């Protein structure tokens, strides 16, 4: 939380000081539906700061990235079984 709030406040202040006209931020699809997660609470706080600033903004909600696949696999394995959510995952490369 501290990281997202501090870095967003600092960035928005510097953007205002130098006349940036449009702020673009990356967020995660479904952030508002996963508010029990500390990470997503921080992303919600970040989005709120951006929305409350005087700078025009775009918040791009994207799906999680492939670099998290190993971490997800590691936390899904209990030593004997792999436990995964019953959900589809779609990824695209640009």
PDB file of N, CA and C in Angstrom:
ATOM      1  N   UNK A   1       0.831  -1.190   0.000  1.00  0.00           N
ATOM      2  CA  UNK A   1       0.000   0.000   0.000  1.00  0.00           C
ATOM      3  C   UNK A   1       0.876   1.253   0.000  1.00  0.00           C
ATOM      4  N   UNK A   2       1.870   1.259   0.893  1.00  0.00           N
ATOM      5  CA  UNK A   2       2.742   2.432   1.004  1.00  0.00           C
ATOM      6  C   UNK A   2       3.426   2.729  -0.330  1.00  0.00           C
ATOM      7  N   UNK A   3       3.922   1.691  -0.997  1.00  0.00           N
ATOM      8  CA  UNK A   3       4.592   1.879  -2.284  1.00  0.00           C
ATOM      9  C   UNK A   3       3.664   2.530  -3.297  1.00  0.00           C
ATOM     10  N   UNK A   4       2.466   1.962  -3.493  1.00  0.00           N
ATOM     11  CA  UNK A   4       1.550   2.475  -4.508  1.00  0.00           C
ATOM     12  C   UNK A   4       1.083   3.894  -4.191  1.00  0.00           C
ATOM     13  N   UNK A   5       0.799   4.159  -2.926  1.00  0.00           N
ATOM     14  CA  UNK A   5       0.353   5.509  -2.569  1.00  0.00           C
ATOM     15  C   UNK A   5       1.481   6.527  -2.725  1.00  0.00           C
ATOM     16  N   UNK A   6       2.661   6.215  -2.211  1.00  0.00           N
ATOM     17  CA  UNK A   6       3.783   7.154  -2.291  1.00  0.00           C
ATOM     18  C   UNK A   6       4.222   7.402  -3.724  1.00  0.00           C
ATOM     19  N   UNK A   7       4.412   6.332  -4.470  1.00  0.00           N
ATOM     20  CA  UNK A   7       4.893   6.501  -5.841  1.00  0.00           C
ATOM     21  C   UNK A   7       3.860   7.213  -6.710  1.00  0.00           C
ATOM     22  N   UNK A   8       2.593   6.930  -6.506  1.00  0.00           N
ATOM     23  CA  UNK A   8       1.556   7.588  -7.305  1.00  0.00           C
ATOM     24  C   UNK A   8       1.461   9.063  -6.949  1.00  0.00           C
ATOM     25  N   UNK A   9       1.487   9.390  -5.667  1.00  0.00           N
ATOM     26  CA  UNK A   9       1.464  10.808  -5.259  1.00  0.00           C
ATOM     27  C   UNK A   9       2.662  11.560  -5.836  1.00  0.00           C
ATOM     28  N   UNK A  10       3.842  10.966  -5.720  1.00  0.00           N
ATOM     29  CA  UNK A  10       5.054  11.609  -6.239  1.00  0.00           C
ATOM     30  C   UNK A  10       4.987  11.797  -7.749  1.00  0.00           C
ATOM     31  N   UNK A  11       4.565  10.780  -8.442  1.00  0.00           N
ATOM     32  CA  UNK A  11       4.477  10.853  -9.894  1.00  0.00           C
ATOM     33  C   UNK A  11       3.465  11.901 -10.340  1.00  0.00           C
ATOM     34  N   UNK A  12       2.290  11.895  -9.726  1.00  0.00           N
ATOM     35  CA  UNK A  12       1.269  12.883 -10.091  1.00  0.00           C
ATOM     36  C   UNK A  12       1.729  14.310  -9.792  1.00  0.00           C
ATOM     37  N   UNK A  13       2.422  14.511  -8.684  1.00  0.00           N
ATOM     38  CA  UNK A  13       2.926  15.849  -8.338  1.00  0.00           C
ATOM     39  C   UNK A  13       3.951  16.319  -9.361  1.00  0.00           C
ATOM     40  N   UNK A  14       4.851  15.445  -9.749  1.00  0.00           N
ATOM     41  CA  UNK A  14       5.856  15.808 -10.745  1.00  0.00           C
ATOM     42  C   UNK A  14       5.229  16.035 -12.119  1.00  0.00           C
ATOM     43  N   UNK A  15       4.257  15.222 -12.467  1.00  0.00           N
ATOM     44  CA  UNK A  15       3.556  15.418 -13.741  1.00  0.00           C
ATOM     45  C   UNK A  15       2.868  16.780 -13.772  1.00  0.00           C
ATOM     46  N   UNK A  16       2.215  17.140 -12.682  1.00  0.00           N
ATOM     47  CA  UNK A  16       1.540  18.447 -12.610  1.00  0.00           C
ATOM     48  C   UNK A  16       2.560  19.575 -12.712  1.00  0.00           C
ATOM     49  N   UNK A  17       3.703  19.405 -12.071  1.00  0.00           N
ATOM     50  CA  UNK A  17       4.733  20.451 -12.063  1.00  0.00           C
ATOM     51  C   UNK A  17       5.310  20.708 -13.447  1.00  0.00           C
ATOM     52  N   UNK A  18       5.402  19.669 -14.269  1.00  0.00           N
ATOM     53  CA  UNK A  18       6.006  19.844 -15.597  1.00  0.00           C
ATOM     54  C   UNK A  18       4.960  19.914 -16.711  1.00  0.00           C
ATOM     55  N   UNK A  19       3.683  19.864 -16.353  1.00  0.00           N
ATOM     56  CA  UNK A  19       2.622  20.050 -17.339  1.00  0.00           C
ATOM     57  C   UNK A  19       2.212  18.829 -18.130  1.00  0.00           C
ATOM     58  N   UNK A  20       2.407  17.646 -17.563  1.00  0.00           N
ATOM     59  CA  UNK A  20       1.925  16.435 -18.241  1.00  0.00           C
ATOM     60  C   UNK A  20       0.416  16.543 -18.387  1.00  0.00           C
ATOM     61  N   UNK A  21      -0.080  16.260 -19.573  1.00  0.00           N
ATOM     62  CA  UNK A  21      -1.508  16.439 -19.832  1.00  0.00           C
ATOM     63  C   UNK A  21      -2.321  15.152 -19.711  1.00  0.00           C
ATOM     64  N   UNK A  22      -1.668  13.987 -19.742  1.00  0.00           N
ATOM     65  CA  UNK A  22      -2.415  12.730 -19.678  1.00  0.00           C
ATOM     66  C   UNK A  22      -1.571  11.673 -18.978  1.00  0.00           C
ATOM     67  N   UNK A  23      -2.124  11.096 -17.934  1.00  0.00           N
ATOM     68  CA  UNK A  23      -1.463  10.058 -17.139  1.00  0.00           C
ATOM     69  C   UNK A  23      -2.043   8.709 -17.552  1.00  0.00           C
ATOM     70  N   UNK A  24      -1.171   7.739 -17.807  1.00  0.00           N
ATOM     71  CA  UNK A  24      -1.609   6.385 -18.138  1.00  0.00           C
ATOM     72  C   UNK A  24      -1.077   5.439 -17.066  1.00  0.00           C
ATOM     73  N   UNK A  25      -1.959   4.626 -16.512  1.00  0.00           N
ATOM     74  CA  UNK A  25      -1.564   3.673 -15.470  1.00  0.00           C
ATOM     75  C   UNK A  25      -2.038   2.277 -15.848  1.00  0.00           C
ATOM     76  N   UNK A  26      -1.242   1.285 -15.491  1.00  0.00           N
ATOM     77  CA  UNK A  26      -1.645  -0.106 -15.664  1.00  0.00           C
ATOM     78  C   UNK A  26      -2.252  -0.612 -14.366  1.00  0.00           C
ATOM     79  N   UNK A  27      -3.332  -1.360 -14.506  1.00  0.00           N
ATOM     80  CA  UNK A  27      -3.932  -2.012 -13.356  1.00  0.00           C
ATOM     81  C   UNK A  27      -4.298  -3.428 -13.776  1.00  0.00           C
ATOM     82  N   UNK A  28      -5.071  -4.097 -12.980  1.00  0.00           N
ATOM     83  CA  UNK A  28      -5.378  -5.501 -13.220  1.00  0.00           C
ATOM     84  C   UNK A  28      -6.881  -5.678 -13.384  1.00  0.00           C
ATOM     85  N   UNK A  29      -7.277  -6.479 -14.353  1.00  0.00           N
ATOM     86  CA  UNK A  29      -8.687  -6.790 -14.565  1.00  0.00           C
ATOM     87  C   UNK A  29      -9.262  -7.379 -13.276  1.00  0.00           C
ATOM     88  N   UNK A  30     -10.406  -6.888 -12.849  1.00  0.00           N
ATOM     89  CA  UNK A  30     -11.089  -7.435 -11.679  1.00  0.00           C
ATOM     90  C   UNK A  30     -10.622  -6.881 -10.346  1.00  0.00           C
ATOM     91  N   UNK A  31      -9.788  -5.847 -10.379  1.00  0.00           N
ATOM     92  CA  UNK A  31      -9.251  -5.287  -9.135  1.00  0.00           C
ATOM     93  C   UNK A  31     -10.351  -5.009  -8.116  1.00  0.00           C
ATOM     94  N   UNK A  32     -11.416  -4.381  -8.564  1.00  0.00           N
ATOM     95  CA  UNK A  32     -12.490  -3.991  -7.643  1.00  0.00           C
ATOM     96  C   UNK A  32     -13.230  -5.190  -7.049  1.00  0.00           C
ATOM     97  N   UNK A  33     -13.137  -6.352  -7.691  1.00  0.00           N
ATOM     98  CA  UNK A  33     -13.825  -7.547  -7.186  1.00  0.00           C
ATOM     99  C   UNK A  33     -12.958  -8.377  -6.250  1.00  0.00           C
ATOM    100  N   UNK A  34     -11.690  -8.012  -6.123  1.00  0.00           N
ATOM    101  CA  UNK A  34     -10.766  -8.789  -5.295  1.00  0.00           C
ATOM    102  C   UNK A  34     -10.211  -7.958  -4.150  1.00  0.00           C
ATOM    103  N   UNK A  35     -11.051  -7.136  -3.568  1.00  0.00           N
ATOM    104  CA  UNK A  35     -10.598  -6.159  -2.578  1.00  0.00           C
ATOM    105  C   UNK A  35     -10.154  -6.774  -1.248  1.00  0.00           C
ATOM    106  N   UNK A  36     -10.296  -8.068  -1.054  1.00  0.00           N
ATOM    107  CA  UNK A  36      -9.804  -8.676   0.183  1.00  0.00           C
ATOM    108  C   UNK A  36      -8.288  -8.877   0.125  1.00  0.00           C
ATOM    109  N   UNK A  37      -7.714  -8.780  -1.060  1.00  0.00           N
ATOM    110  CA  UNK A  37      -6.270  -8.923  -1.244  1.00  0.00           C
ATOM    111  C   UNK A  37      -5.569  -7.593  -0.960  1.00  0.00           C
ATOM    112  N   UNK A  38      -4.498  -7.626  -0.185  1.00  0.00           N
ATOM    113  CA  UNK A  38      -3.738  -6.422   0.089  1.00  0.00           C
ATOM    114  C   UNK A  38      -3.207  -5.763  -1.172  1.00  0.00           C
ATOM    115  N   UNK A  39      -2.758  -6.577  -2.124  1.00  0.00           N
ATOM    116  CA  UNK A  39      -2.259  -6.039  -3.387  1.00  0.00           C
ATOM    117  C   UNK A  39      -3.361  -5.287  -4.120  1.00  0.00           C
ATOM    118  N   UNK A  40      -4.528  -5.877  -4.194  1.00  0.00           N
ATOM    119  CA  UNK A  40      -5.631  -5.232  -4.914  1.00  0.00           C
ATOM    120  C   UNK A  40      -6.167  -4.018  -4.147  1.00  0.00           C
ATOM    121  N   UNK A  41      -6.118  -4.043  -2.833  1.00  0.00           N
ATOM    122  CA  UNK A  41      -6.472  -2.848  -2.059  1.00  0.00           C
ATOM    123  C   UNK A  41      -5.535  -1.697  -2.429  1.00  0.00           C
ATOM    124  N   UNK A  42      -4.256  -2.018  -2.593  1.00  0.00           N
ATOM    125  CA  UNK A  42      -3.281  -0.997  -2.970  1.00  0.00           C
ATOM    126  C   UNK A  42      -3.533  -0.491  -4.387  1.00  0.00           C
ATOM    127  N   UNK A  43      -3.900  -1.378  -5.304  1.00  0.00           N
ATOM    128  CA  UNK A  43      -4.206  -0.953  -6.673  1.00  0.00           C
ATOM    129  C   UNK A  43      -5.468  -0.077  -6.688  1.00  0.00           C
ATOM    130  N   UNK A  44      -6.444  -0.401  -5.863  1.00  0.00           N
ATOM    131  CA  UNK A  44      -7.656   0.425  -5.753  1.00  0.00           C
ATOM    132  C   UNK A  44      -7.287   1.817  -5.231  1.00  0.00           C
ATOM    133  N   UNK A  45      -6.418   1.867  -4.222  1.00  0.00           N
ATOM    134  CA  UNK A  45      -5.975   3.161  -3.675  1.00  0.00           C
ATOM    135  C   UNK A  45      -5.230   3.960  -4.743  1.00  0.00           C
ATOM    136  N   UNK A  46      -4.390   3.288  -5.514  1.00  0.00           N
ATOM    137  CA  UNK A  46      -3.654   3.949  -6.593  1.00  0.00           C
ATOM    138  C   UNK A  46      -4.628   4.549  -7.615  1.00  0.00           C
ATOM    139  N   UNK A  47      -5.599   3.762  -8.030  1.00  0.00           N
ATOM    140  CA  UNK A  47      -6.582   4.243  -9.002  1.00  0.00           C
ATOM    141  C   UNK A  47      -7.359   5.440  -8.449  1.00  0.00           C
ATOM    142  N   UNK A  48      -7.689   5.396  -7.174  1.00  0.00           N
ATOM    143  CA  UNK A  48      -8.431   6.497  -6.550  1.00  0.00           C
ATOM    144  C   UNK A  48      -7.618   7.789  -6.587  1.00  0.00           C
ATOM    145  N   UNK A  49      -6.337   7.703  -6.257  1.00  0.00           N
ATOM    146  CA  UNK A  49      -5.468   8.886  -6.307  1.00  0.00           C
ATOM    147  C   UNK A  49      -5.405   9.455  -7.719  1.00  0.00           C
ATOM    148  N   UNK A  50      -5.302   8.590  -8.697  1.00  0.00           N
ATOM    149  CA  UNK A  50      -5.234   9.032 -10.095  1.00  0.00           C
ATOM    150  C   UNK A  50      -6.531   9.719 -10.492  1.00  0.00           C
ATOM    151  N   UNK A  51      -7.650   9.118 -10.132  1.00  0.00           N
ATOM    152  CA  UNK A  51      -8.956   9.682 -10.487  1.00  0.00           C
ATOM    153  C   UNK A  51      -9.197  11.027  -9.814  1.00  0.00           C
ATOM    154  N   UNK A  52      -8.643  11.226  -8.618  1.00  0.00           N
ATOM    155  CA  UNK A  52      -8.848  12.468  -7.876  1.00  0.00           C
ATOM    156  C   UNK A  52      -7.881  13.574  -8.295  1.00  0.00           C
ATOM    157  N   UNK A  53      -6.894  13.241  -9.095  1.00  0.00           N
ATOM    158  CA  UNK A  53      -5.930  14.261  -9.512  1.00  0.00           C
ATOM    159  C   UNK A  53      -6.546  15.159 -10.585  1.00  0.00           C
ATOM    160  N   UNK A  54      -5.873  16.253 -10.868  1.00  0.00           N
ATOM    161  CA  UNK A  54      -6.368  17.202 -11.871  1.00  0.00           C
ATOM    162  C   UNK A  54      -5.910  16.827 -13.282  1.00  0.00           C
ATOM    163  N   UNK A  55      -5.120  15.780 -13.411  1.00  0.00           N
ATOM    164  CA  UNK A  55      -4.579  15.363 -14.699  1.00  0.00           C
ATOM    165  C   UNK A  55      -5.536  14.369 -15.358  1.00  0.00           C
ATOM    166  N   UNK A  56      -5.771  14.565 -16.652  1.00  0.00           N
ATOM    167  CA  UNK A  56      -6.552  13.574 -17.391  1.00  0.00           C
ATOM    168  C   UNK A  56      -5.839  12.232 -17.295  1.00  0.00           C
ATOM    169  N   UNK A  57      -6.586  11.147 -17.326  1.00  0.00           N
ATOM    170  CA  UNK A  57      -5.956   9.847 -17.120  1.00  0.00           C
ATOM    171  C   UNK A  57      -6.644   8.750 -17.926  1.00  0.00           C
ATOM    172  N   UNK A  58      -5.901   7.689 -18.137  1.00  0.00           N
ATOM    173  CA  UNK A  58      -6.416   6.419 -18.633  1.00  0.00           C
ATOM    174  C   UNK A  58      -5.874   5.348 -17.706  1.00  0.00           C
ATOM    175  N   UNK A  59      -6.752   4.482 -17.229  1.00  0.00           N
ATOM    176  CA  UNK A  59      -6.327   3.336 -16.438  1.00  0.00           C
ATOM    177  C   UNK A  59      -6.607   2.104 -17.290  1.00  0.00           C
ATOM    178  N   UNK A  60      -5.547   1.414 -17.652  1.00  0.00           N
ATOM    179  CA  UNK A  60      -5.651   0.246 -18.523  1.00  0.00           C
ATOM    180  C   UNK A  60      -5.676  -0.992 -17.634  1.00  0.00           C
ATOM    181  N   UNK A  61      -6.805  -1.685 -17.639  1.00  0.00           N
ATOM    182  CA  UNK A  61      -6.931  -2.917 -16.862  1.00  0.00           C
ATOM    183  C   UNK A  61      -6.526  -4.086 -17.755  1.00  0.00           C
ATOM    184  N   UNK A  62      -5.465  -4.763 -17.365  1.00  0.00           N
ATOM    185  CA  UNK A  62      -4.948  -5.870 -18.152  1.00  0.00           C
ATOM    186  C   UNK A  62      -5.007  -7.150 -17.317  1.00  0.00           C
ATOM    187  N   UNK A  63      -4.828  -8.264 -17.986  1.00  0.00           N
ATOM    188  CA  UNK A  63      -4.756  -9.540 -17.263  1.00  0.00           C
ATOM    189  C   UNK A  63      -3.344  -9.721 -16.733  1.00  0.00           C
ATOM    190  N   UNK A  64      -3.206 -10.595 -15.772  1.00  0.00           N
ATOM    191  CA  UNK A  64      -1.900 -10.862 -15.184  1.00  0.00           C
ATOM    192  C   UNK A  64      -0.927 -11.339 -16.262  1.00  0.00           C
ATOM    193  N   UNK A  65       0.347 -11.196 -15.997  1.00  0.00           N
ATOM    194  CA  UNK A  65       1.372 -11.492 -16.981  1.00  0.00           C
ATOM    195  C   UNK A  65       1.957 -12.888 -16.788  1.00  0.00           C
ATOM    196  N   UNK A  66       2.566 -13.406 -17.838  1.00  0.00           N
ATOM    197  CA  UNK A  66       3.129 -14.749 -17.811  1.00  0.00           C
ATOM    198  C   UNK A  66       4.212 -14.947 -16.765  1.00  0.00           C
ATOM    199  N   UNK A  67       4.910 -13.892 -16.369  1.00  0.00           N
ATOM    200  CA  UNK A  67       5.983 -14.081 -15.395  1.00  0.00           C
ATOM    201  C   UNK A  67       5.460 -14.567 -14.048  1.00  0.00           C
ATOM    202  N   UNK A  68       4.155 -14.528 -13.842  1.00  0.00           N
ATOM    203  CA  UNK A  68       3.577 -15.011 -12.591  1.00  0.00           C
ATOM    204  C   UNK A  68       3.213 -16.495 -12.633  1.00  0.00           C
ATOM    205  N   UNK A  69       3.344 -17.144 -13.795  1.00  0.00           N
ATOM    206  CA  UNK A  69       2.922 -18.541 -13.909  1.00  0.00           C
ATOM    207  C   UNK A  69       3.681 -19.459 -12.950  1.00  0.00           C
ATOM    208  N   UNK A  70       5.001 -19.307 -12.864  1.00  0.00           N
ATOM    209  CA  UNK A  70       5.777 -20.162 -11.960  1.00  0.00           C
ATOM    210  C   UNK A  70       5.354 -19.936 -10.511  1.00  0.00           C
ATOM    211  N   UNK A  71       5.180 -18.684 -10.119  1.00  0.00           N
ATOM    212  CA  UNK A  71       4.758 -18.370  -8.749  1.00  0.00           C
ATOM    213  C   UNK A  71       3.389 -18.991  -8.466  1.00  0.00           C
ATOM    214  N   UNK A  72       2.460 -18.881  -9.406  1.00  0.00           N
ATOM    215  CA  UNK A  72       1.136 -19.476  -9.227  1.00  0.00           C
ATOM    216  C   UNK A  72       1.217 -20.995  -9.121  1.00  0.00           C
ATOM    217  N   UNK A  73       2.046 -21.602  -9.947  1.00  0.00           N
ATOM    218  CA  UNK A  73       2.207 -23.058  -9.888  1.00  0.00           C
ATOM    219  C   UNK A  73       2.815 -23.470  -8.551  1.00  0.00           C
ATOM    220  N   UNK A  74       3.826 -22.724  -8.090  1.00  0.00           N
ATOM    221  CA  UNK A  74       4.482 -23.051  -6.822  1.00  0.00           C
ATOM    222  C   UNK A  74       3.519 -22.985  -5.642  1.00  0.00           C
ATOM    223  N   UNK A  75       2.679 -21.955  -5.589  1.00  0.00           N
ATOM    224  CA  UNK A  75       1.774 -21.837  -4.442  1.00  0.00           C
ATOM    225  C   UNK A  75       0.572 -22.767  -4.570  1.00  0.00           C
ATOM    226  N   UNK A  76       0.363 -23.335  -5.748  1.00  0.00           N
ATOM    227  CA  UNK A  76      -0.765 -24.248  -5.957  1.00  0.00           C
ATOM    228  C   UNK A  76      -0.407 -25.691  -5.632  1.00  0.00           C
ATOM    229  N   UNK A  77       0.865 -25.976  -5.387  1.00  0.00           N
ATOM    230  CA  UNK A  77       1.329 -27.340  -5.136  1.00  0.00           C
ATOM    231  C   UNK A  77       1.583 -27.523  -3.647  1.00  0.00           C
ATOM    232  N   UNK A  78       0.920 -28.513  -3.055  1.00  0.00           N
ATOM    233  CA  UNK A  78       1.078 -28.737  -1.612  1.00  0.00           C
ATOM    234  C   UNK A  78       2.045 -29.878  -1.291  1.00  0.00           C
ATOM    235  N   UNK A  79       2.798 -30.327  -2.281  1.00  0.00           N
ATOM    236  CA  UNK A  79       3.729 -31.437  -2.079  1.00  0.00           C
ATOM    237  C   UNK A  79       3.210 -32.737  -2.653  1.00  0.00           C
ATOM    238  N   UNK A  80       1.888 -32.827  -2.805  1.00  0.00           N
ATOM    239  CA  UNK A  80       1.277 -34.029  -3.361  1.00  0.00           C
ATOM    240  C   UNK A  80       0.302 -33.720  -4.483  1.00  0.00           C
ATOM    241  N   UNK A  81      -0.394 -32.616  -4.361  1.00  0.00           N
ATOM    242  CA  UNK A  81      -1.422 -32.271  -5.340  1.00  0.00           C
ATOM    243  C   UNK A  81      -1.244 -30.834  -5.803  1.00  0.00           C
ATOM    244  N   UNK A  82      -1.689 -30.585  -7.030  1.00  0.00           N
ATOM    245  CA  UNK A  82      -1.730 -29.228  -7.553  1.00  0.00           C
ATOM    246  C   UNK A  82      -3.185 -28.779  -7.490  1.00  0.00           C
ATOM    247  N   UNK A  83      -3.440 -27.688  -6.820  1.00  0.00           N
ATOM    248  CA  UNK A  83      -4.798 -27.161  -6.686  1.00  0.00           C
ATOM    249  C   UNK A  83      -4.908 -25.889  -7.519  1.00  0.00           C
ATOM    250  N   UNK A  84      -5.800 -25.926  -8.498  1.00  0.00           N
ATOM    251  CA  UNK A  84      -5.993 -24.793  -9.388  1.00  0.00           C
ATOM    252  C   UNK A  84      -7.442 -24.362  -9.395  1.00  0.00           C
ATOM    253  N   UNK A  85      -7.672 -23.089  -9.665  1.00  0.00           N
ATOM    254  CA  UNK A  85      -9.026 -22.578  -9.801  1.00  0.00           C
ATOM    255  C   UNK A  85      -9.658 -23.123 -11.077  1.00  0.00           C
ATOM    256  N   UNK A  86     -10.949 -23.294 -11.052  1.00  0.00           N
ATOM    257  CA  UNK A  86     -11.689 -23.726 -12.224  1.00  0.00           C
ATOM    258  C   UNK A  86     -12.026 -22.478 -13.041  1.00  0.00           C
ATOM    259  N   UNK A  87     -11.035 -21.997 -13.789  1.00  0.00           N
ATOM    260  CA  UNK A  87     -11.222 -20.767 -14.560  1.00  0.00           C
ATOM    261  C   UNK A  87     -10.375 -20.815 -15.815  1.00  0.00           C
ATOM    262  N   UNK A  88     -10.830 -20.149 -16.841  1.00  0.00           N
ATOM    263  CA  UNK A  88     -10.072 -20.048 -18.079  1.00  0.00           C
ATOM    264  C   UNK A  88      -9.092 -18.893 -17.968  1.00  0.00           C
ATOM    265  N   UNK A  89      -7.982 -19.021 -18.647  1.00  0.00           N
ATOM    266  CA  UNK A  89      -7.009 -17.947 -18.697  1.00  0.00           C
ATOM    267  C   UNK A  89      -6.725 -17.653 -20.174  1.00  0.00           C
ATOM    268  N   UNK A  90      -6.737 -16.398 -20.513  1.00  0.00           N
ATOM    269  CA  UNK A  90      -6.475 -16.003 -21.886  1.00  0.00           C
ATOM    270  C   UNK A  90      -5.336 -15.001 -21.878  1.00  0.00           C
ATOM    271  N   UNK A  91      -4.377 -15.191 -22.751  1.00  0.00           N
ATOM    272  CA  UNK A  91      -3.251 -14.270 -22.820  1.00  0.00           C
ATOM    273  C   UNK A  91      -3.017 -13.882 -24.277  1.00  0.00           C
ATOM    274  N   UNK A  92      -2.528 -12.699 -24.471  1.00  0.00           N
ATOM    275  CA  UNK A  92      -2.172 -12.265 -25.802  1.00  0.00           C
ATOM    276  C   UNK A  92      -0.810 -11.611 -25.765  1.00  0.00           C
ATOM    277  N   UNK A  93      -0.115 -11.699 -26.846  1.00  0.00           N
ATOM    278  CA  UNK A  93       1.213 -11.085 -26.954  1.00  0.00           C
ATOM    279  C   UNK A  93       1.144  -9.992 -28.000  1.00  0.00           C
ATOM    280  N   UNK A  94       1.817  -8.913 -27.744  1.00  0.00           N
ATOM    281  CA  UNK A  94       1.859  -7.804 -28.684  1.00  0.00           C
ATOM    282  C   UNK A  94       3.266  -7.655 -29.194  1.00  0.00           C
TER     283      UNK A  94
END
